[in-house]
Amino acid sequence: MTKRYKLSEDESQMVCEPELALATECNVKKVNTAQLMAQGYMTLEQSKALIEKKIHNHFHS
């Protein structure tokens, strides 16, 4: 599986699919990923790693 989207912490990102933005008017505000990270949000990779660690600790402790 190839990664289709890459997030840059320096740039704001649209929260809708690019195809939808072209097909319909996308009025969703851009978000700043660095700001969200500072507020405690995680990337999908970080979230997955945390869940895997909790599952591992649950079954091996």
N, C-alpha and C. Protein backbone atom coordinates (compact mmCIF):
# COMPACT_ATOMS: atom_id res chain seq x y z
N MET A 1 0.84 -1.18 0.00
CA MET A 1 0.00 0.00 0.00
C MET A 1 0.89 1.24 0.00
N THR A 2 0.62 2.17 -0.88
CA THR A 2 1.41 3.38 -0.94
C THR A 2 0.72 4.49 -0.19
N LYS A 3 1.51 5.40 0.36
CA LYS A 3 0.94 6.54 1.06
C LYS A 3 0.49 7.56 0.02
N ARG A 4 -0.74 8.00 0.15
CA ARG A 4 -1.29 8.92 -0.82
C ARG A 4 -1.09 10.36 -0.39
N TYR A 5 -1.12 10.61 0.88
CA TYR A 5 -1.00 11.97 1.38
C TYR A 5 0.17 12.07 2.35
N LYS A 6 0.86 13.17 2.33
CA LYS A 6 1.93 13.43 3.28
C LYS A 6 1.62 14.74 3.99
N LEU A 7 1.66 14.74 5.32
CA LEU A 7 1.41 15.95 6.08
C LEU A 7 2.72 16.62 6.44
N SER A 8 2.75 17.90 6.27
CA SER A 8 3.89 18.68 6.68
C SER A 8 3.47 19.49 7.90
N GLU A 9 4.24 19.41 8.97
CA GLU A 9 3.88 20.14 10.18
C GLU A 9 3.99 21.64 9.99
N ASP A 10 4.68 22.09 8.95
CA ASP A 10 4.85 23.52 8.71
C ASP A 10 3.71 24.13 7.93
N GLU A 11 2.91 23.32 7.29
CA GLU A 11 1.86 23.83 6.43
C GLU A 11 0.49 23.47 6.97
N SER A 12 -0.48 24.33 6.70
CA SER A 12 -1.86 24.01 7.03
C SER A 12 -2.39 23.03 6.00
N GLN A 13 -3.32 22.21 6.41
CA GLN A 13 -3.85 21.19 5.52
C GLN A 13 -5.36 21.34 5.40
N MET A 14 -5.88 21.03 4.23
CA MET A 14 -7.33 20.99 4.05
C MET A 14 -7.83 19.68 4.65
N VAL A 15 -9.00 19.73 5.26
CA VAL A 15 -9.53 18.53 5.89
C VAL A 15 -10.50 17.77 4.99
N CYS A 16 -10.63 18.18 3.72
CA CYS A 16 -11.46 17.43 2.79
C CYS A 16 -10.59 16.84 1.70
N GLU A 17 -11.12 15.86 1.02
CA GLU A 17 -10.39 15.21 -0.06
C GLU A 17 -10.19 16.19 -1.21
N PRO A 18 -9.04 16.17 -1.87
CA PRO A 18 -8.80 17.07 -3.00
C PRO A 18 -9.84 16.93 -4.10
N GLU A 19 -10.29 15.68 -4.36
CA GLU A 19 -11.28 15.47 -5.40
C GLU A 19 -12.60 16.16 -5.04
N LEU A 20 -12.96 16.14 -3.75
CA LEU A 20 -14.18 16.80 -3.32
C LEU A 20 -14.06 18.31 -3.44
N ALA A 21 -12.88 18.82 -3.16
CA ALA A 21 -12.67 20.26 -3.24
C ALA A 21 -12.83 20.73 -4.69
N LEU A 22 -12.44 19.88 -5.64
CA LEU A 22 -12.60 20.25 -7.05
C LEU A 22 -14.05 20.08 -7.51
N ALA A 23 -14.71 19.05 -7.02
CA ALA A 23 -16.06 18.76 -7.47
C ALA A 23 -17.09 19.70 -6.83
N THR A 24 -16.89 20.02 -5.57
CA THR A 24 -17.82 20.90 -4.85
C THR A 24 -17.01 21.95 -4.11
N GLU A 25 -17.66 23.01 -3.73
CA GLU A 25 -16.95 24.05 -2.99
C GLU A 25 -16.68 23.55 -1.57
N CYS A 26 -15.44 23.60 -1.17
CA CYS A 26 -15.06 23.10 0.16
C CYS A 26 -14.88 24.30 1.08
N ASN A 27 -15.80 24.49 2.00
CA ASN A 27 -15.76 25.63 2.90
C ASN A 27 -15.16 25.29 4.25
N VAL A 28 -14.43 24.20 4.33
CA VAL A 28 -13.84 23.78 5.58
C VAL A 28 -12.55 24.57 5.80
N LYS A 29 -12.37 25.08 7.02
CA LYS A 29 -11.17 25.86 7.33
C LYS A 29 -9.94 24.96 7.35
N LYS A 30 -8.80 25.55 7.04
CA LYS A 30 -7.54 24.81 7.11
C LYS A 30 -7.14 24.65 8.57
N VAL A 31 -6.46 23.56 8.86
CA VAL A 31 -5.98 23.32 10.22
C VAL A 31 -4.46 23.35 10.21
N ASN A 32 -3.90 23.73 11.34
CA ASN A 32 -2.45 23.77 11.49
C ASN A 32 -2.05 22.54 12.30
N THR A 33 -1.35 21.60 11.64
CA THR A 33 -1.01 20.35 12.31
C THR A 33 -0.07 20.56 13.49
N ALA A 34 0.82 21.54 13.42
CA ALA A 34 1.72 21.81 14.55
C ALA A 34 0.93 22.26 15.76
N GLN A 35 -0.10 23.07 15.54
CA GLN A 35 -0.93 23.54 16.64
C GLN A 35 -1.72 22.39 17.25
N LEU A 36 -2.23 21.51 16.41
CA LEU A 36 -2.97 20.35 16.93
C LEU A 36 -2.06 19.44 17.74
N MET A 37 -0.82 19.24 17.27
CA MET A 37 0.13 18.41 18.01
C MET A 37 0.43 19.04 19.37
N ALA A 38 0.53 20.36 19.43
CA ALA A 38 0.79 21.06 20.69
C ALA A 38 -0.39 20.90 21.66
N GLN A 39 -1.58 20.70 21.12
CA GLN A 39 -2.77 20.52 21.95
C GLN A 39 -2.95 19.07 22.39
N GLY A 40 -2.05 18.19 21.97
CA GLY A 40 -2.11 16.81 22.43
C GLY A 40 -2.62 15.81 21.42
N TYR A 41 -2.99 16.25 20.23
CA TYR A 41 -3.42 15.32 19.21
C TYR A 41 -2.22 14.54 18.69
N MET A 42 -2.48 13.32 18.18
CA MET A 42 -1.41 12.46 17.69
C MET A 42 -1.62 12.18 16.21
N THR A 43 -0.53 11.82 15.54
CA THR A 43 -0.63 11.35 14.17
C THR A 43 -1.19 9.93 14.20
N LEU A 44 -1.61 9.42 13.05
CA LEU A 44 -2.09 8.04 12.99
C LEU A 44 -1.01 7.06 13.41
N GLU A 45 0.24 7.34 13.00
CA GLU A 45 1.34 6.45 13.36
C GLU A 45 1.57 6.44 14.87
N GLN A 46 1.50 7.61 15.51
CA GLN A 46 1.68 7.69 16.96
C GLN A 46 0.55 6.97 17.68
N SER A 47 -0.66 7.16 17.22
CA SER A 47 -1.82 6.52 17.83
C SER A 47 -1.73 5.00 17.71
N LYS A 48 -1.36 4.53 16.53
CA LYS A 48 -1.22 3.09 16.30
C LYS A 48 -0.14 2.51 17.21
N ALA A 49 1.00 3.19 17.34
CA ALA A 49 2.08 2.70 18.21
C ALA A 49 1.63 2.63 19.66
N LEU A 50 0.89 3.63 20.11
CA LEU A 50 0.41 3.64 21.49
C LEU A 50 -0.56 2.49 21.74
N ILE A 51 -1.47 2.23 20.81
CA ILE A 51 -2.42 1.14 20.95
C ILE A 51 -1.70 -0.20 20.96
N GLU A 52 -0.73 -0.37 20.05
CA GLU A 52 0.03 -1.62 20.01
C GLU A 52 0.79 -1.84 21.31
N LYS A 53 1.36 -0.79 21.88
CA LYS A 53 2.09 -0.90 23.14
C LYS A 53 1.15 -1.29 24.28
N LYS A 54 -0.04 -0.69 24.32
CA LYS A 54 -1.00 -1.03 25.38
C LYS A 54 -1.48 -2.47 25.26
N ILE A 55 -1.71 -2.93 24.03
CA ILE A 55 -2.12 -4.33 23.82
C ILE A 55 -1.00 -5.27 24.26
N HIS A 56 0.23 -4.95 23.87
CA HIS A 56 1.38 -5.78 24.25
C HIS A 56 1.52 -5.84 25.78
N ASN A 57 1.43 -4.68 26.43
CA ASN A 57 1.57 -4.64 27.90
C ASN A 57 0.44 -5.41 28.57
N HIS A 58 -0.75 -5.36 28.01
CA HIS A 58 -1.90 -6.06 28.60
C HIS A 58 -1.69 -7.57 28.60
N PHE A 59 -1.15 -8.09 27.52
CA PHE A 59 -1.01 -9.54 27.40
C PHE A 59 0.33 -10.07 27.91
N HIS A 60 1.29 -9.18 28.21
CA HIS A 60 2.61 -9.64 28.66
C HIS A 60 2.99 -9.14 30.04
N SER A 61 1.99 -8.72 30.81
CA SER A 61 2.32 -8.29 32.19
C SER A 61 1.60 -9.12 33.23
